Amino acid sequence: MSKIRPPELEERLETGESLYVLDIRPRKTHQRDGIDGSQNIPVYDDLRRGDDAEFRQSLSKVPKGKTVVTVCKAGIVAKKATAVLEEKGYDAVTLSGGMRGWNGYQNGSIGYRLSSLLRRLVP
């Protein structure tokens, strides 16, 4: 299963690459704190419990001709969405660190910088 780190996602969005950013968090959370241009299918709680039925029923909303970047709070539950998408033939990746990672990267937080350094030092 593939991941995309926040700096790479930002670069690809800035260059206008055809990506579909899919935020699976609850609707209010997405509205309050979502990546610009991201789409929302609020199935976080279902996927966290292991129930992917509603997500599978919503796949007609997700375009197949684009790379789908799944986003959740910390990147863990989004992996489940990515797995379903890959199973159904989508080109899908998970945003590493989820919105915590994205916000940490955007804000230049020390926590994000330290975790990035550790990822480079420990393969």
C-alpha atoms as a PDB file:
ATOM      1  CA  MET A   1       0.000   0.000   0.000  1.00  0.00           C
ATOM      2  CA  SER A   2       1.385   3.346  -1.011  1.00  0.00           C
ATOM      3  CA  LYS A   3       1.714   6.506   1.047  1.00  0.00           C
ATOM      4  CA  ILE A   4       2.289  10.110   0.113  1.00  0.00           C
ATOM      5  CA  ARG A   5       4.012  12.550   2.441  1.00  0.00           C
ATOM      6  CA  PRO A   6       2.623  16.078   2.928  1.00  0.00           C
ATOM      7  CA  PRO A   7       5.425  17.880   1.019  1.00  0.00           C
ATOM      8  CA  GLU A   8       4.906  15.634  -2.011  1.00  0.00           C
ATOM      9  CA  LEU A   9       1.136  16.118  -1.908  1.00  0.00           C
ATOM     10  CA  GLU A  10       1.554  19.886  -1.701  1.00  0.00           C
ATOM     11  CA  GLU A  11       3.947  19.877  -4.663  1.00  0.00           C
ATOM     12  CA  ARG A  12       1.657  17.707  -6.773  1.00  0.00           C
ATOM     13  CA  LEU A  13      -1.363  19.881  -5.956  1.00  0.00           C
ATOM     14  CA  GLU A  14       0.560  23.059  -6.777  1.00  0.00           C
ATOM     15  CA  THR A  15       1.632  21.718 -10.167  1.00  0.00           C
ATOM     16  CA  GLY A  16      -2.000  20.976 -11.001  1.00  0.00           C
ATOM     17  CA  GLU A  17      -1.616  17.214 -11.124  1.00  0.00           C
ATOM     18  CA  SER A  18      -4.922  15.422 -11.453  1.00  0.00           C
ATOM     19  CA  LEU A  19      -5.463  14.183  -7.898  1.00  0.00           C
ATOM     20  CA  TYR A  20      -8.655  13.416  -6.009  1.00  0.00           C
ATOM     21  CA  VAL A  21      -8.157  14.150  -2.318  1.00  0.00           C
ATOM     22  CA  LEU A  22     -10.709  12.099  -0.387  1.00  0.00           C
ATOM     23  CA  ASP A  23     -11.228  13.063   3.247  1.00  0.00           C
ATOM     24  CA  ILE A  24     -13.069  10.316   5.133  1.00  0.00           C
ATOM     25  CA  ARG A  25     -13.441  12.183   8.440  1.00  0.00           C
ATOM     26  CA  PRO A  26     -16.855  13.344   9.698  1.00  0.00           C
ATOM     27  CA  ARG A  27     -18.413  16.099   7.590  1.00  0.00           C
ATOM     28  CA  LYS A  28     -18.139  18.852  10.248  1.00  0.00           C
ATOM     29  CA  THR A  29     -14.494  18.041  10.863  1.00  0.00           C
ATOM     30  CA  HIS A  30     -13.751  18.177   7.140  1.00  0.00           C
ATOM     31  CA  GLN A  31     -15.591  21.490   6.777  1.00  0.00           C
ATOM     32  CA  ARG A  32     -13.683  22.985   9.696  1.00  0.00           C
ATOM     33  CA  ASP A  33     -10.241  21.664   8.763  1.00  0.00           C
ATOM     34  CA  GLY A  34      -9.906  20.144   5.294  1.00  0.00           C
ATOM     35  CA  ILE A  35      -7.339  20.342   2.532  1.00  0.00           C
ATOM     36  CA  ASP A  36      -8.431  22.877  -0.087  1.00  0.00           C
ATOM     37  CA  GLY A  37     -10.313  21.142  -2.881  1.00  0.00           C
ATOM     38  CA  SER A  38     -10.701  17.868  -0.997  1.00  0.00           C
ATOM     39  CA  GLN A  39     -13.924  15.888  -1.219  1.00  0.00           C
ATOM     40  CA  ASN A  40     -15.646  14.298   1.750  1.00  0.00           C
ATOM     41  CA  ILE A  41     -17.190  10.873   2.191  1.00  0.00           C
ATOM     42  CA  PRO A  42     -17.681  10.687   5.986  1.00  0.00           C
ATOM     43  CA  VAL A  43     -17.030   7.008   6.693  1.00  0.00           C
ATOM     44  CA  TYR A  44     -14.260   7.350   9.277  1.00  0.00           C
ATOM     45  CA  ASP A  45     -16.241   5.895  12.186  1.00  0.00           C
ATOM     46  CA  ASP A  46     -17.530   2.977  10.092  1.00  0.00           C
ATOM     47  CA  LEU A  47     -14.074   2.083   8.773  1.00  0.00           C
ATOM     48  CA  ARG A  48     -12.573   2.422  12.246  1.00  0.00           C
ATOM     49  CA  ARG A  49     -15.067  -0.218  13.433  1.00  0.00           C
ATOM     50  CA  GLY A  50     -14.182  -2.453  10.483  1.00  0.00           C
ATOM     51  CA  ASP A  51     -17.390  -1.808   8.516  1.00  0.00           C
ATOM     52  CA  ASP A  52     -16.600  -0.821   4.923  1.00  0.00           C
ATOM     53  CA  ALA A  53     -20.110  -1.380   3.449  1.00  0.00           C
ATOM     54  CA  GLU A  54     -21.113   2.303   3.310  1.00  0.00           C
ATOM     55  CA  PHE A  55     -17.767   3.253   1.827  1.00  0.00           C
ATOM     56  CA  ARG A  56     -18.098   0.602  -0.874  1.00  0.00           C
ATOM     57  CA  GLN A  57     -21.586   1.929  -1.693  1.00  0.00           C
ATOM     58  CA  SER A  58     -20.121   5.435  -2.088  1.00  0.00           C
ATOM     59  CA  LEU A  59     -17.373   4.485  -4.555  1.00  0.00           C
ATOM     60  CA  SER A  60     -19.399   5.709  -7.533  1.00  0.00           C
ATOM     61  CA  LYS A  61     -18.594   9.248  -6.278  1.00  0.00           C
ATOM     62  CA  VAL A  62     -14.856   8.615  -6.635  1.00  0.00           C
ATOM     63  CA  PRO A  63     -13.364   9.065 -10.130  1.00  0.00           C
ATOM     64  CA  LYS A  64     -11.202   6.255 -11.492  1.00  0.00           C
ATOM     65  CA  GLY A  65      -9.047   8.396 -13.784  1.00  0.00           C
ATOM     66  CA  LYS A  66      -7.194  10.175 -10.986  1.00  0.00           C
ATOM     67  CA  THR A  67      -4.882   9.186  -8.181  1.00  0.00           C
ATOM     68  CA  VAL A  68      -6.988   9.133  -5.009  1.00  0.00           C
ATOM     69  CA  VAL A  69      -5.301  10.429  -1.852  1.00  0.00           C
ATOM     70  CA  THR A  70      -7.151   9.214   1.243  1.00  0.00           C
ATOM     71  CA  VAL A  71      -7.087  11.421   4.328  1.00  0.00           C
ATOM     72  CA  CYS A  72      -8.193  10.886   7.915  1.00  0.00           C
ATOM     73  CA  LYS A  73      -7.099  12.198  11.303  1.00  0.00           C
ATOM     74  CA  ALA A  74      -3.707  10.471  11.564  1.00  0.00           C
ATOM     75  CA  GLY A  75      -3.472   8.260   8.470  1.00  0.00           C
ATOM     76  CA  ILE A  76      -4.371   4.959  10.108  1.00  0.00           C
ATOM     77  CA  VAL A  77      -8.052   4.594   9.180  1.00  0.00           C
ATOM     78  CA  ALA A  78      -7.387   6.065   5.735  1.00  0.00           C
ATOM     79  CA  LYS A  79      -5.231   2.989   5.047  1.00  0.00           C
ATOM     80  CA  LYS A  80      -8.422   0.911   5.192  1.00  0.00           C
ATOM     81  CA  ALA A  81     -10.061   3.193   2.604  1.00  0.00           C
ATOM     82  CA  THR A  82      -6.951   2.954   0.418  1.00  0.00           C
ATOM     83  CA  ALA A  83      -7.049  -0.849   0.612  1.00  0.00           C
ATOM     84  CA  VAL A  84     -10.703  -0.929  -0.523  1.00  0.00           C
ATOM     85  CA  LEU A  85      -9.951   1.486  -3.363  1.00  0.00           C
ATOM     86  CA  GLU A  86      -6.949  -0.563  -4.530  1.00  0.00           C
ATOM     87  CA  GLU A  87      -9.046  -3.733  -4.380  1.00  0.00           C
ATOM     88  CA  LYS A  88     -11.575  -2.036  -6.679  1.00  0.00           C
ATOM     89  CA  GLY A  89      -8.906  -1.020  -9.188  1.00  0.00           C
ATOM     90  CA  TYR A  90      -8.281   2.570  -8.133  1.00  0.00           C
ATOM     91  CA  ASP A  91      -4.851   4.186  -8.052  1.00  0.00           C
ATOM     92  CA  ALA A  92      -4.906   5.138  -4.358  1.00  0.00           C
ATOM     93  CA  VAL A  93      -2.448   6.336  -1.730  1.00  0.00           C
ATOM     94  CA  THR A  94      -2.754   7.325   1.931  1.00  0.00           C
ATOM     95  CA  LEU A  95      -1.649  10.721   3.221  1.00  0.00           C
ATOM     96  CA  SER A  96       1.117   9.849   5.681  1.00  0.00           C
ATOM     97  CA  GLY A  97       0.248  11.263   9.099  1.00  0.00           C
ATOM     98  CA  GLY A  98      -3.232  12.286   7.964  1.00  0.00           C
ATOM     99  CA  MET A  99      -4.438  15.790   8.795  1.00  0.00           C
ATOM    100  CA  ARG A 100      -2.135  15.885  11.813  1.00  0.00           C
ATOM    101  CA  GLY A 101       0.813  15.417   9.492  1.00  0.00           C
ATOM    102  CA  TRP A 102      -0.566  17.852   6.909  1.00  0.00           C
ATOM    103  CA  ASN A 103      -1.205  20.561   9.506  1.00  0.00           C
ATOM    104  CA  GLY A 104       2.165  19.945  11.147  1.00  0.00           C
ATOM    105  CA  TYR A 105       3.868  20.288   7.776  1.00  0.00           C
ATOM    106  CA  GLN A 106       1.877  23.411   6.866  1.00  0.00           C
ATOM    107  CA  ASN A 107       2.704  25.015  10.234  1.00  0.00           C
ATOM    108  CA  GLY A 108       6.337  23.857  10.279  1.00  0.00           C
ATOM    109  CA  SER A 109       5.863  22.296  13.705  1.00  0.00           C
ATOM    110  CA  ILE A 110       8.809  20.825  15.555  1.00  0.00           C
ATOM    111  CA  GLY A 111       6.905  17.542  15.985  1.00  0.00           C
ATOM    112  CA  TYR A 112       6.491  17.198  12.236  1.00  0.00           C
ATOM    113  CA  ARG A 113      10.123  18.074  11.552  1.00  0.00           C
ATOM    114  CA  LEU A 114      11.346  15.554  14.141  1.00  0.00           C
ATOM    115  CA  SER A 115       9.141  12.757  12.807  1.00  0.00           C
ATOM    116  CA  SER A 116      10.335  13.527   9.254  1.00  0.00           C
ATOM    117  CA  LEU A 117      13.959  13.370  10.381  1.00  0.00           C
ATOM    118  CA  LEU A 118      13.344  10.036  12.136  1.00  0.00           C
ATOM    119  CA  ARG A 119      11.725   8.572   8.998  1.00  0.00           C
ATOM    120  CA  ARG A 120      14.819   9.483   7.007  1.00  0.00           C
ATOM    121  CA  LEU A 121      17.214   8.062   9.623  1.00  0.00           C
ATOM    122  CA  VAL A 122      15.308   4.845  10.332  1.00  0.00           C
ATOM    123  CA  PRO A 123      14.134   3.167   7.122  1.00  0.00           C
END
